Structures are given as structure tokens and as C-alpha cells.
Amino acid sequence: MFAAIGIVILLVMVFGIFTFSGGNIIAVLYALPIEMGIICGAAIGGLIIGNNIAGLKALLGGVAKVFTGPRYSKADFLDCIFLVSKLMKILRAQGPLVLEPHIEDPQASLIFAEYPRLLGDEKLVALICDTLRLVVVSSGTLDTHAVEEVMDNSLKTQHDEAIAPVNSLQSLADALPALGIVAAVLGVVKTMGAIDQPPEILGAMIGSALVGTFLGVLLAYGFVGPMASRARQVIESDGAIYHTVKQIIIASLHGHPQPLVIEAARSGLMQVNQPAFADVFDGMHGN
């Protein structure tokens, strides 16, 4: 929603003020299709050259995140704390054999079933189950630091994969001003081929060429660059839920008291996703 509002404000302020100040918007609109076609065509071609099918799909997904926003809300982070805490409580109180059915088939687990939004995230479920599976298989002999290292590697891989579309968007933003210059130079070449025309025609042709430079800069710093920044914010916001899982599992394996484990996970979240202290502990007592 905010992204759409921002786009409307940007267009109104740029083109509206230009027109209000006496600028000839018709001349801009006349040149727009050709210059935009050159710039966007070159940009699309560059993206295809630099990405495979999976990368292009991920890029489209990254753009979609700009408009859909984060997947997880404060309530989801609260549910994540409850889910992982329950699993670790079973491990401590009842042992690996009781925990094993839940992590071997989370779709059939009554505990996972309480949190359908989290169960729908395959990567989140895999992180929880794969890590706890290591603990169960090792029968408690696995060093906690080794588990933490495995989780760190998994989180790094997930982050690198998730952030790849942002890097592509930022690369595109960096390239757009240069592509605008390409379109402008072609316009100048066209103008030079018509050097024998009257000044008013040459002026219009030069103005059309300059629209290419204008569009390249506008697209880079008004659209694609901010989209890359917003996509990064959304991805990092959602990625925090995986670190919450790690915080609870590792702190529990170190033998810290459950209230301390939960508070460490809660307080480590950004304010926008951080559940209230009372919500966390009232929920744990209710469970």
C-alpha cells in the first residue's frame, strides 16, 4: 500500500510540478514510449543475460514483496516462540523419543498444527526439524556449539538466497542511468542525421533525446533503487523469525532456564515484531 502511494506521489510531484511551472508535458509524453522502450528493453535484456530462470522468478518475487510487505507479524513471532519453546520443553522433560514423532512428521504433529502459518513455511519447519533431529540422533552427546555452527551455516545460506533478488534490483538501479545515457546518445545520433532541419525541429529532437537521460535517472533513484531498499527491509524482517528459532534452541541446549531463554528471544527482536513481555509469559503459562 505505501509503495503504491509513494509511486503516485512521485509521479504527481515530478510531472505535475513540471507542467505547473510551464513545462511542455506533451513533448515528454511524445518521447516517452521510444525512450522507455530502449531503456526498459536494454534493462530486461541485461537481466536475462545475468540471471537464470530461477533468478528471474526470485526477482519478480522480490518486487512483489515491495507491495505485499513482510510475511510475518508480531503475532507470528509470538507463535514461533511458543512453538519452539514447546518442542524444547518436550525434549527436556520427556526426552528425545517423545519429541521424535513431531519432528519426523511435522504435518501430522498436533503441536505444529496449532500454528498453521508457521507450518506453511517449509524453510522454517525444516530449520526446526533438521536441527532437533540432530539432537535426537546424537542422544544428547552433540556439542551445543556444533549445533550452533550448523544453524549459522543454514541461516547464512537462507539469507544469501533470500537477498539475491535485492542485489539484482540494486544492480539494475545502478545500471539505469547509464542505459538512459545510451537512449539519449541514440537520440543525439538521430538528431545529427537531421542537422539540415529547422531549429524548431532540431530542438524537439534534442529534447526527446534528453528525456532518455531523465528517465534513466528517474527510474534508478525514484523507482528501482527504493524498491531494492524496501525489499531488503521486508526480507530481513521476515528473516528474523529464523534467528528466533536459533536463539531458543541454542539457549535451551545450553541449559538456561526457560524464562531466560524466552526473554532473550523476545528482546532480540526489532520493536515492530517484538511481542510484549506479558503476552509471551501469559501465553506460556496458558500453554
C-alpha atoms as a PDB file:
ATOM      1  CA  MET A   1       0.000   0.000   0.000  1.00  0.00           C
ATOM      2  CA  PHE A   2       2.682   2.509   0.988  1.00  0.00           C
ATOM      3  CA  ALA A   3       4.724   1.625  -2.097  1.00  0.00           C
ATOM      4  CA  ALA A   4       1.756   2.398  -4.359  1.00  0.00           C
ATOM      5  CA  ILE A   5       1.132   5.666  -2.538  1.00  0.00           C
ATOM      6  CA  GLY A   6       4.796   6.589  -2.920  1.00  0.00           C
ATOM      7  CA  ILE A   7       4.688   5.935  -6.668  1.00  0.00           C
ATOM      8  CA  VAL A   8       1.635   8.166  -7.061  1.00  0.00           C
ATOM      9  CA  ILE A   9       3.276  10.963  -5.051  1.00  0.00           C
ATOM     10  CA  LEU A  10       6.480  10.664  -7.065  1.00  0.00           C
ATOM     11  CA  LEU A  11       4.702  10.889 -10.427  1.00  0.00           C
ATOM     12  CA  VAL A  12       2.449  13.732  -9.355  1.00  0.00           C
ATOM     13  CA  MET A  13       5.276  15.787  -7.874  1.00  0.00           C
ATOM     14  CA  VAL A  14       7.680  15.292 -10.797  1.00  0.00           C
ATOM     15  CA  PHE A  15       5.343  15.647 -13.745  1.00  0.00           C
ATOM     16  CA  GLY A  16       2.761  17.816 -12.014  1.00  0.00           C
ATOM     17  CA  ILE A  17       5.230  20.463 -10.906  1.00  0.00           C
ATOM     18  CA  PHE A  18       6.963  20.309 -14.292  1.00  0.00           C
ATOM     19  CA  THR A  19       3.641  21.037 -16.026  1.00  0.00           C
ATOM     20  CA  PHE A  20       2.589  23.646 -13.453  1.00  0.00           C
ATOM     21  CA  SER A  21       5.848  25.524 -13.975  1.00  0.00           C
ATOM     22  CA  GLY A  22       5.174  25.825 -17.704  1.00  0.00           C
ATOM     23  CA  GLY A  23       6.911  22.690 -18.980  1.00  0.00           C
ATOM     24  CA  ASN A  24       5.591  21.046 -22.125  1.00  0.00           C
ATOM     25  CA  ILE A  25       4.381  17.684 -20.860  1.00  0.00           C
ATOM     26  CA  ILE A  26       3.242  16.774 -24.389  1.00  0.00           C
ATOM     27  CA  ALA A  27       6.853  16.790 -25.583  1.00  0.00           C
ATOM     28  CA  VAL A  28       7.809  14.443 -22.760  1.00  0.00           C
ATOM     29  CA  LEU A  29       4.895  12.108 -23.448  1.00  0.00           C
ATOM     30  CA  TYR A  30       5.738  12.087 -27.147  1.00  0.00           C
ATOM     31  CA  ALA A  31       9.282  10.894 -26.473  1.00  0.00           C
ATOM     32  CA  LEU A  32       8.324   8.621 -23.589  1.00  0.00           C
ATOM     33  CA  PRO A  33       7.404   5.419 -25.493  1.00  0.00           C
ATOM     34  CA  ILE A  34      10.595   5.351 -27.578  1.00  0.00           C
ATOM     35  CA  GLU A  35      12.989   6.265 -24.784  1.00  0.00           C
ATOM     36  CA  MET A  36      11.239   3.980 -22.295  1.00  0.00           C
ATOM     37  CA  GLY A  37      11.293   1.162 -24.833  1.00  0.00           C
ATOM     38  CA  ILE A  38      15.047   1.481 -25.318  1.00  0.00           C
ATOM     39  CA  ILE A  39      15.820   1.732 -21.598  1.00  0.00           C
ATOM     40  CA  CYS A  40      13.441  -0.988 -20.403  1.00  0.00           C
ATOM     41  CA  GLY A  41      14.316  -3.269 -23.301  1.00  0.00           C
ATOM     42  CA  ALA A  42      18.015  -2.973 -22.535  1.00  0.00           C
ATOM     43  CA  ALA A  43      17.332  -3.480 -18.813  1.00  0.00           C
ATOM     44  CA  ILE A  44      15.268  -6.612 -19.423  1.00  0.00           C
ATOM     45  CA  GLY A  45      17.919  -7.962 -21.775  1.00  0.00           C
ATOM     46  CA  GLY A  46      20.610  -7.338 -19.191  1.00  0.00           C
ATOM     47  CA  LEU A  47      18.583  -9.118 -16.507  1.00  0.00           C
ATOM     48  CA  ILE A  48      18.105 -12.135 -18.756  1.00  0.00           C
ATOM     49  CA  ILE A  49      21.829 -12.206 -19.523  1.00  0.00           C
ATOM     50  CA  GLY A  50      22.747 -12.032 -15.852  1.00  0.00           C
ATOM     51  CA  ASN A  51      20.190 -14.475 -14.400  1.00  0.00           C
ATOM     52  CA  ASN A  52      18.745 -17.918 -14.912  1.00  0.00           C
ATOM     53  CA  ILE A  53      15.030 -18.742 -14.774  1.00  0.00           C
ATOM     54  CA  ALA A  54      15.135 -19.247 -11.002  1.00  0.00           C
ATOM     55  CA  GLY A  55      16.880 -15.911 -10.557  1.00  0.00           C
ATOM     56  CA  LEU A  56      14.293 -14.091 -12.672  1.00  0.00           C
ATOM     57  CA  LYS A  57      11.436 -15.678 -10.726  1.00  0.00           C
ATOM     58  CA  ALA A  58      13.111 -14.697  -7.465  1.00  0.00           C
ATOM     59  CA  LEU A  59      13.495 -11.151  -8.802  1.00  0.00           C
ATOM     60  CA  LEU A  60       9.776 -10.942  -9.521  1.00  0.00           C
ATOM     61  CA  GLY A  61       9.133 -12.275  -6.036  1.00  0.00           C
ATOM     62  CA  GLY A  62      11.381  -9.576  -4.616  1.00  0.00           C
ATOM     63  CA  VAL A  63       9.411  -6.894  -6.451  1.00  0.00           C
ATOM     64  CA  ALA A  64       6.165  -8.398  -5.132  1.00  0.00           C
ATOM     65  CA  LYS A  65       7.478  -8.111  -1.555  1.00  0.00           C
ATOM     66  CA  VAL A  66       7.713  -4.344  -2.027  1.00  0.00           C
ATOM     67  CA  PHE A  67       3.931  -4.207  -2.334  1.00  0.00           C
ATOM     68  CA  THR A  68       2.870  -7.104  -0.092  1.00  0.00           C
ATOM     69  CA  GLY A  69       5.189  -6.276   2.814  1.00  0.00           C
ATOM     70  CA  PRO A  70       6.528  -8.698   5.440  1.00  0.00           C
ATOM     71  CA  ARG A  71       5.067 -12.174   5.667  1.00  0.00           C
ATOM     72  CA  TYR A  72       5.235 -12.319   9.443  1.00  0.00           C
ATOM     73  CA  SER A  73       3.567 -10.083  12.004  1.00  0.00           C
ATOM     74  CA  LYS A  74       4.159  -9.650  15.715  1.00  0.00           C
ATOM     75  CA  ALA A  75       1.627 -12.426  16.394  1.00  0.00           C
ATOM     76  CA  ASP A  76       3.600 -14.832  14.211  1.00  0.00           C
ATOM     77  CA  PHE A  77       6.803 -14.138  16.134  1.00  0.00           C
ATOM     78  CA  LEU A  78       4.900 -14.804  19.325  1.00  0.00           C
ATOM     79  CA  ASP A  79       3.662 -18.110  17.890  1.00  0.00           C
ATOM     80  CA  CYS A  80       7.206 -19.011  16.870  1.00  0.00           C
ATOM     81  CA  ILE A  81       8.411 -18.506  20.433  1.00  0.00           C
ATOM     82  CA  PHE A  82       5.575 -20.704  21.701  1.00  0.00           C
ATOM     83  CA  LEU A  83       6.143 -23.442  19.108  1.00  0.00           C
ATOM     84  CA  VAL A  84       9.885 -23.855  19.578  1.00  0.00           C
ATOM     85  CA  SER A  85       9.620 -23.495  23.356  1.00  0.00           C
ATOM     86  CA  LYS A  86       7.047 -26.299  23.485  1.00  0.00           C
ATOM     87  CA  LEU A  87       9.298 -28.582  21.447  1.00  0.00           C
ATOM     88  CA  MET A  88      12.304 -27.859  23.643  1.00  0.00           C
ATOM     89  CA  LYS A  89      10.197 -28.402  26.752  1.00  0.00           C
ATOM     90  CA  ILE A  90       9.223 -31.855  25.463  1.00  0.00           C
ATOM     91  CA  LEU A  91      12.887 -32.612  24.756  1.00  0.00           C
ATOM     92  CA  ARG A  92      13.928 -31.653  28.294  1.00  0.00           C
ATOM     93  CA  ALA A  93      11.002 -33.105  30.208  1.00  0.00           C
ATOM     94  CA  GLN A  94      10.056 -36.205  28.216  1.00  0.00           C
ATOM     95  CA  GLY A  95      13.130 -36.994  26.163  1.00  0.00           C
ATOM     96  CA  PRO A  96      14.090 -37.454  22.504  1.00  0.00           C
ATOM     97  CA  LEU A  97      11.779 -40.428  21.877  1.00  0.00           C
ATOM     98  CA  VAL A  98       8.673 -38.374  22.643  1.00  0.00           C
ATOM     99  CA  LEU A  99       9.923 -35.441  20.549  1.00  0.00           C
ATOM    100  CA  GLU A 100      10.906 -37.542  17.539  1.00  0.00           C
ATOM    101  CA  PRO A 101       7.408 -38.065  16.020  1.00  0.00           C
ATOM    102  CA  HIS A 102       6.818 -34.307  15.974  1.00  0.00           C
ATOM    103  CA  ILE A 103       9.982 -33.509  14.045  1.00  0.00           C
ATOM    104  CA  GLU A 104       9.862 -36.536  11.740  1.00  0.00           C
ATOM    105  CA  ASP A 105       6.351 -35.709  10.515  1.00  0.00           C
ATOM    106  CA  PRO A 106       5.513 -32.116  11.426  1.00  0.00           C
ATOM    107  CA  GLN A 107       2.425 -32.169   9.196  1.00  0.00           C
ATOM    108  CA  ALA A 108       0.910 -34.795  11.484  1.00  0.00           C
ATOM    109  CA  SER A 109       2.114 -33.137  14.710  1.00  0.00           C
ATOM    110  CA  LEU A 110      -0.556 -31.707  16.970  1.00  0.00           C
ATOM    111  CA  ILE A 111       1.939 -29.121  18.211  1.00  0.00           C
ATOM    112  CA  PHE A 112       2.799 -27.836  14.727  1.00  0.00           C
ATOM    113  CA  ALA A 113      -0.897 -27.937  13.823  1.00  0.00           C
ATOM    114  CA  GLU A 114      -1.549 -25.216  16.392  1.00  0.00           C
ATOM    115  CA  TYR A 115       0.461 -22.811  14.228  1.00  0.00           C
ATOM    116  CA  PRO A 116      -0.675 -23.269  10.603  1.00  0.00           C
ATOM    117  CA  ARG A 117       1.005 -20.095   9.330  1.00  0.00           C
ATOM    118  CA  LEU A 118       4.366 -21.301  10.593  1.00  0.00           C
ATOM    119  CA  LEU A 119       3.728 -24.814   9.349  1.00  0.00           C
ATOM    120  CA  GLY A 120       3.231 -23.343   5.874  1.00  0.00           C
ATOM    121  CA  ASP A 121       6.814 -22.071   5.825  1.00  0.00           C
ATOM    122  CA  GLU A 122       8.833 -25.048   4.607  1.00  0.00           C
ATOM    123  CA  LYS A 123      12.168 -23.400   5.355  1.00  0.00           C
ATOM    124  CA  LEU A 124      11.171 -22.564   8.918  1.00  0.00           C
ATOM    125  CA  VAL A 125       9.866 -26.064   9.582  1.00  0.00           C
ATOM    126  CA  ALA A 126      12.991 -27.587   8.038  1.00  0.00           C
ATOM    127  CA  LEU A 127      15.250 -25.445  10.223  1.00  0.00           C
ATOM    128  CA  ILE A 128      13.427 -26.524  13.372  1.00  0.00           C
ATOM    129  CA  CYS A 129      13.087 -30.201  12.494  1.00  0.00           C
ATOM    130  CA  ASP A 130      16.524 -30.713  10.970  1.00  0.00           C
ATOM    131  CA  THR A 131      18.237 -29.103  13.943  1.00  0.00           C
ATOM    132  CA  LEU A 132      16.255 -31.048  16.530  1.00  0.00           C
ATOM    133  CA  ARG A 133      16.749 -34.214  14.507  1.00  0.00           C
ATOM    134  CA  LEU A 134      20.493 -33.796  15.023  1.00  0.00           C
ATOM    135  CA  VAL A 135      19.923 -33.505  18.746  1.00  0.00           C
ATOM    136  CA  VAL A 136      17.677 -36.571  18.827  1.00  0.00           C
ATOM    137  CA  VAL A 137      20.041 -38.709  16.731  1.00  0.00           C
ATOM    138  CA  SER A 138      23.028 -37.737  18.868  1.00  0.00           C
ATOM    139  CA  SER A 139      21.173 -38.802  22.051  1.00  0.00           C
ATOM    140  CA  GLY A 140      22.404 -35.685  23.836  1.00  0.00           C
ATOM    141  CA  THR A 141      26.087 -36.186  23.053  1.00  0.00           C
ATOM    142  CA  LEU A 142      26.263 -33.458  20.406  1.00  0.00           C
ATOM    143  CA  ASP A 143      28.150 -30.332  21.441  1.00  0.00           C
ATOM    144  CA  THR A 144      25.892 -27.271  21.566  1.00  0.00           C
ATOM    145  CA  HIS A 145      28.474 -25.133  19.799  1.00  0.00           C
ATOM    146  CA  ALA A 146      28.495 -27.608  16.914  1.00  0.00           C
ATOM    147  CA  VAL A 147      24.702 -27.310  16.651  1.00  0.00           C
ATOM    148  CA  GLU A 148      25.010 -23.542  16.657  1.00  0.00           C
ATOM    149  CA  GLU A 149      27.572 -23.684  13.860  1.00  0.00           C
ATOM    150  CA  VAL A 150      25.274 -25.864  11.754  1.00  0.00           C
ATOM    151  CA  MET A 151      22.395 -23.448  12.311  1.00  0.00           C
ATOM    152  CA  ASP A 152      24.579 -20.456  11.457  1.00  0.00           C
ATOM    153  CA  ASN A 153      25.547 -22.058   8.152  1.00  0.00           C
ATOM    154  CA  SER A 154      21.911 -22.822   7.379  1.00  0.00           C
ATOM    155  CA  LEU A 155      20.822 -19.277   8.221  1.00  0.00           C
ATOM    156  CA  LYS A 156      23.593 -17.800   6.087  1.00  0.00           C
ATOM    157  CA  THR A 157      22.577 -19.926   3.108  1.00  0.00           C
ATOM    158  CA  GLN A 158      18.929 -18.945   3.525  1.00  0.00           C
ATOM    159  CA  HIS A 159      19.814 -15.269   3.841  1.00  0.00           C
ATOM    160  CA  ASP A 160      22.062 -15.297   0.773  1.00  0.00           C
ATOM    161  CA  GLU A 161      19.316 -16.957  -1.253  1.00  0.00           C
ATOM    162  CA  ALA A 162      16.627 -14.595   0.026  1.00  0.00           C
ATOM    163  CA  ILE A 163      18.663 -11.437  -0.528  1.00  0.00           C
ATOM    164  CA  ALA A 164      19.735 -12.319  -4.097  1.00  0.00           C
ATOM    165  CA  PRO A 165      16.732 -10.530  -5.706  1.00  0.00           C
ATOM    166  CA  VAL A 166      17.649  -7.368  -3.793  1.00  0.00           C
ATOM    167  CA  ASN A 167      21.155  -7.469  -5.227  1.00  0.00           C
ATOM    168  CA  SER A 168      19.705  -7.875  -8.721  1.00  0.00           C
ATOM    169  CA  LEU A 169      17.372  -4.930  -8.194  1.00  0.00           C
ATOM    170  CA  GLN A 170      20.204  -2.773  -6.899  1.00  0.00           C
ATOM    171  CA  SER A 171      22.388  -3.723  -9.855  1.00  0.00           C
ATOM    172  CA  LEU A 172      19.555  -2.735 -12.158  1.00  0.00           C
ATOM    173  CA  ALA A 173      19.172   0.601 -10.364  1.00  0.00           C
ATOM    174  CA  ASP A 174      22.899   1.234 -10.764  1.00  0.00           C
ATOM    175  CA  ALA A 175      22.687   0.459 -14.489  1.00  0.00           C
ATOM    176  CA  LEU A 176      19.603   2.513 -15.371  1.00  0.00           C
ATOM    177  CA  PRO A 177      21.289   5.954 -15.504  1.00  0.00           C
ATOM    178  CA  ALA A 178      23.833   4.570 -17.973  1.00  0.00           C
ATOM    179  CA  LEU A 179      21.062   2.980 -20.021  1.00  0.00           C
ATOM    180  CA  GLY A 180      19.343   6.365 -20.041  1.00  0.00           C
ATOM    181  CA  ILE A 181      22.515   7.853 -21.492  1.00  0.00           C
ATOM    182  CA  VAL A 182      22.503   5.128 -24.158  1.00  0.00           C
ATOM    183  CA  ALA A 183      18.973   6.147 -25.152  1.00  0.00           C
ATOM    184  CA  ALA A 184      19.950   9.825 -25.115  1.00  0.00           C
ATOM    185  CA  VAL A 185      23.028   9.240 -27.287  1.00  0.00           C
ATOM    186  CA  LEU A 186      20.927   7.388 -29.827  1.00  0.00           C
ATOM    187  CA  GLY A 187      18.581  10.361 -29.844  1.00  0.00           C
ATOM    188  CA  VAL A 188      21.506  12.705 -30.457  1.00  0.00           C
ATOM    189  CA  VAL A 189      22.721  10.479 -33.300  1.00  0.00           C
ATOM    190  CA  LYS A 190      19.250  10.678 -34.810  1.00  0.00           C
ATOM    191  CA  THR A 191      19.283  14.444 -34.397  1.00  0.00           C
ATOM    192  CA  MET A 192      22.664  14.774 -36.094  1.00  0.00           C
ATOM    193  CA  GLY A 193      21.255  12.889 -39.055  1.00  0.00           C
ATOM    194  CA  ALA A 194      18.659  15.621 -39.398  1.00  0.00           C
ATOM    195  CA  ILE A 195      21.015  18.570 -38.910  1.00  0.00           C
ATOM    196  CA  ASP A 196      19.603  20.280 -42.013  1.00  0.00           C
ATOM    197  CA  GLN A 197      16.173  20.628 -40.410  1.00  0.00           C
ATOM    198  CA  PRO A 198      14.849  23.945 -38.999  1.00  0.00           C
ATOM    199  CA  PRO A 199      15.815  24.884 -35.412  1.00  0.00           C
ATOM    200  CA  GLU A 200      12.349  24.146 -34.017  1.00  0.00           C
ATOM    201  CA  ILE A 201      12.525  20.554 -35.292  1.00  0.00           C
ATOM    202  CA  LEU A 202      16.087  20.069 -34.056  1.00  0.00           C
ATOM    203  CA  GLY A 203      15.097  21.489 -30.675  1.00  0.00           C
ATOM    204  CA  ALA A 204      12.258  18.992 -30.357  1.00  0.00           C
ATOM    205  CA  MET A 205      14.561  16.128 -31.332  1.00  0.00           C
ATOM    206  CA  ILE A 206      17.224  17.157 -28.794  1.00  0.00           C
ATOM    207  CA  GLY A 207      14.527  17.493 -26.133  1.00  0.00           C
ATOM    208  CA  SER A 208      13.317  13.965 -26.919  1.00  0.00           C
ATOM    209  CA  ALA A 209      16.865  12.663 -26.593  1.00  0.00           C
ATOM    210  CA  LEU A 210      17.269  14.292 -23.182  1.00  0.00           C
ATOM    211  CA  VAL A 211      14.123  12.515 -22.000  1.00  0.00           C
ATOM    212  CA  GLY A 212      16.199   9.311 -22.148  1.00  0.00           C
ATOM    213  CA  THR A 213      18.683  10.616 -19.581  1.00  0.00           C
ATOM    214  CA  PHE A 214      15.825  11.907 -17.452  1.00  0.00           C
ATOM    215  CA  LEU A 215      14.017   8.555 -17.469  1.00  0.00           C
ATOM    216  CA  GLY A 216      17.158   6.583 -16.662  1.00  0.00           C
ATOM    217  CA  VAL A 217      17.841   8.687 -13.583  1.00  0.00           C
ATOM    218  CA  LEU A 218      14.178   8.787 -12.520  1.00  0.00           C
ATOM    219  CA  LEU A 219      13.746   5.031 -12.818  1.00  0.00           C
ATOM    220  CA  ALA A 220      17.000   4.367 -10.956  1.00  0.00           C
ATOM    221  CA  TYR A 221      16.574   6.701  -7.995  1.00  0.00           C
ATOM    222  CA  GLY A 222      12.806   7.110  -7.924  1.00  0.00           C
ATOM    223  CA  PHE A 223      11.641   3.554  -8.517  1.00  0.00           C
ATOM    224  CA  VAL A 224      14.095   0.642  -8.686  1.00  0.00           C
ATOM    225  CA  GLY A 225      16.544   1.858  -6.019  1.00  0.00           C
ATOM    226  CA  PRO A 226      13.810   2.455  -3.418  1.00  0.00           C
ATOM    227  CA  MET A 227      12.236  -0.885  -4.357  1.00  0.00           C
ATOM    228  CA  ALA A 228      15.531  -2.645  -3.675  1.00  0.00           C
ATOM    229  CA  SER A 229      15.764  -0.900  -0.308  1.00  0.00           C
ATOM    230  CA  ARG A 230      12.204  -1.836   0.639  1.00  0.00           C
ATOM    231  CA  ALA A 231      12.624  -5.449  -0.496  1.00  0.00           C
ATOM    232  CA  ARG A 232      15.728  -5.694   1.701  1.00  0.00           C
ATOM    233  CA  GLN A 233      13.767  -4.405   4.694  1.00  0.00           C
ATOM    234  CA  VAL A 234      10.985  -6.935   4.137  1.00  0.00           C
ATOM    235  CA  ILE A 235      13.372  -9.865   3.663  1.00  0.00           C
ATOM    236  CA  GLU A 236      15.389  -9.002   6.762  1.00  0.00           C
ATOM    237  CA  SER A 237      12.201  -8.510   8.785  1.00  0.00           C
ATOM    238  CA  ASP A 238      10.934 -11.972   7.858  1.00  0.00           C
ATOM    239  CA  GLY A 239      14.402 -13.484   8.274  1.00  0.00           C
ATOM    240  CA  ALA A 240      14.387 -12.527  11.952  1.00  0.00           C
ATOM    241  CA  ILE A 241      11.990 -15.379  12.691  1.00  0.00           C
ATOM    242  CA  TYR A 242      14.688 -17.923  11.786  1.00  0.00           C
ATOM    243  CA  HIS A 243      17.081 -16.279  14.228  1.00  0.00           C
ATOM    244  CA  THR A 244      14.372 -16.514  16.891  1.00  0.00           C
ATOM    245  CA  VAL A 245      14.293 -20.278  16.333  1.00  0.00           C
ATOM    246  CA  LYS A 246      18.058 -20.459  16.684  1.00  0.00           C
ATOM    247  CA  GLN A 247      18.062 -18.324  19.835  1.00  0.00           C
ATOM    248  CA  ILE A 248      15.578 -20.566  21.625  1.00  0.00           C
ATOM    249  CA  ILE A 249      17.121 -23.883  20.562  1.00  0.00           C
ATOM    250  CA  ILE A 250      20.715 -22.948  21.376  1.00  0.00           C
ATOM    251  CA  ALA A 251      19.902 -21.246  24.669  1.00  0.00           C
ATOM    252  CA  SER A 252      17.808 -24.267  25.698  1.00  0.00           C
ATOM    253  CA  LEU A 253      20.596 -26.679  24.793  1.00  0.00           C
ATOM    254  CA  HIS A 254      22.940 -24.629  26.965  1.00  0.00           C
ATOM    255  CA  GLY A 255      20.596 -25.395  29.849  1.00  0.00           C
ATOM    256  CA  HIS A 256      19.394 -21.860  30.531  1.00  0.00           C
ATOM    257  CA  PRO A 257      16.083 -21.525  32.422  1.00  0.00           C
ATOM    258  CA  GLN A 258      13.101 -21.290  30.114  1.00  0.00           C
ATOM    259  CA  PRO A 259      12.072 -17.749  31.190  1.00  0.00           C
ATOM    260  CA  LEU A 260      15.564 -16.506  30.363  1.00  0.00           C
ATOM    261  CA  VAL A 261      15.529 -18.354  27.016  1.00  0.00           C
ATOM    262  CA  ILE A 262      12.206 -16.849  26.025  1.00  0.00           C
ATOM    263  CA  GLU A 263      13.091 -13.351  27.141  1.00  0.00           C
ATOM    264  CA  ALA A 264      16.371 -13.469  25.221  1.00  0.00           C
ATOM    265  CA  ALA A 265      14.472 -14.448  22.066  1.00  0.00           C
ATOM    266  CA  ARG A 266      11.770 -11.823  22.623  1.00  0.00           C
ATOM    267  CA  SER A 267      14.091  -8.937  23.449  1.00  0.00           C
ATOM    268  CA  GLY A 268      16.300  -9.726  20.462  1.00  0.00           C
ATOM    269  CA  LEU A 269      13.531  -8.786  18.017  1.00  0.00           C
ATOM    270  CA  MET A 270      13.029  -5.385  16.465  1.00  0.00           C
ATOM    271  CA  GLN A 271      10.350  -3.295  18.154  1.00  0.00           C
ATOM    272  CA  VAL A 272       7.878  -3.719  15.289  1.00  0.00           C
ATOM    273  CA  ASN A 273       7.952  -7.518  15.701  1.00  0.00           C
ATOM    274  CA  GLN A 274       8.639  -7.742  19.419  1.00  0.00           C
ATOM    275  CA  PRO A 275       5.771  -9.228  21.436  1.00  0.00           C
ATOM    276  CA  ALA A 276       5.020  -7.650  24.775  1.00  0.00           C
ATOM    277  CA  PHE A 277       6.587  -9.275  27.834  1.00  0.00           C
ATOM    278  CA  ALA A 278       3.170 -10.021  29.313  1.00  0.00           C
ATOM    279  CA  ASP A 279       1.896 -11.611  26.091  1.00  0.00           C
ATOM    280  CA  VAL A 280       4.823 -14.010  25.973  1.00  0.00           C
ATOM    281  CA  PHE A 281       4.746 -15.161  29.569  1.00  0.00           C
ATOM    282  CA  ASP A 282       0.956 -15.201  29.910  1.00  0.00           C
ATOM    283  CA  GLY A 283       0.842 -17.332  26.783  1.00  0.00           C
ATOM    284  CA  MET A 284       3.476 -19.729  28.091  1.00  0.00           C
ATOM    285  CA  HIS A 285       1.608 -20.142  31.367  1.00  0.00           C
ATOM    286  CA  GLY A 286      -1.605 -20.726  29.453  1.00  0.00           C
ATOM    287  CA  ASN A 287       0.107 -23.461  27.485  1.00  0.00           C
END
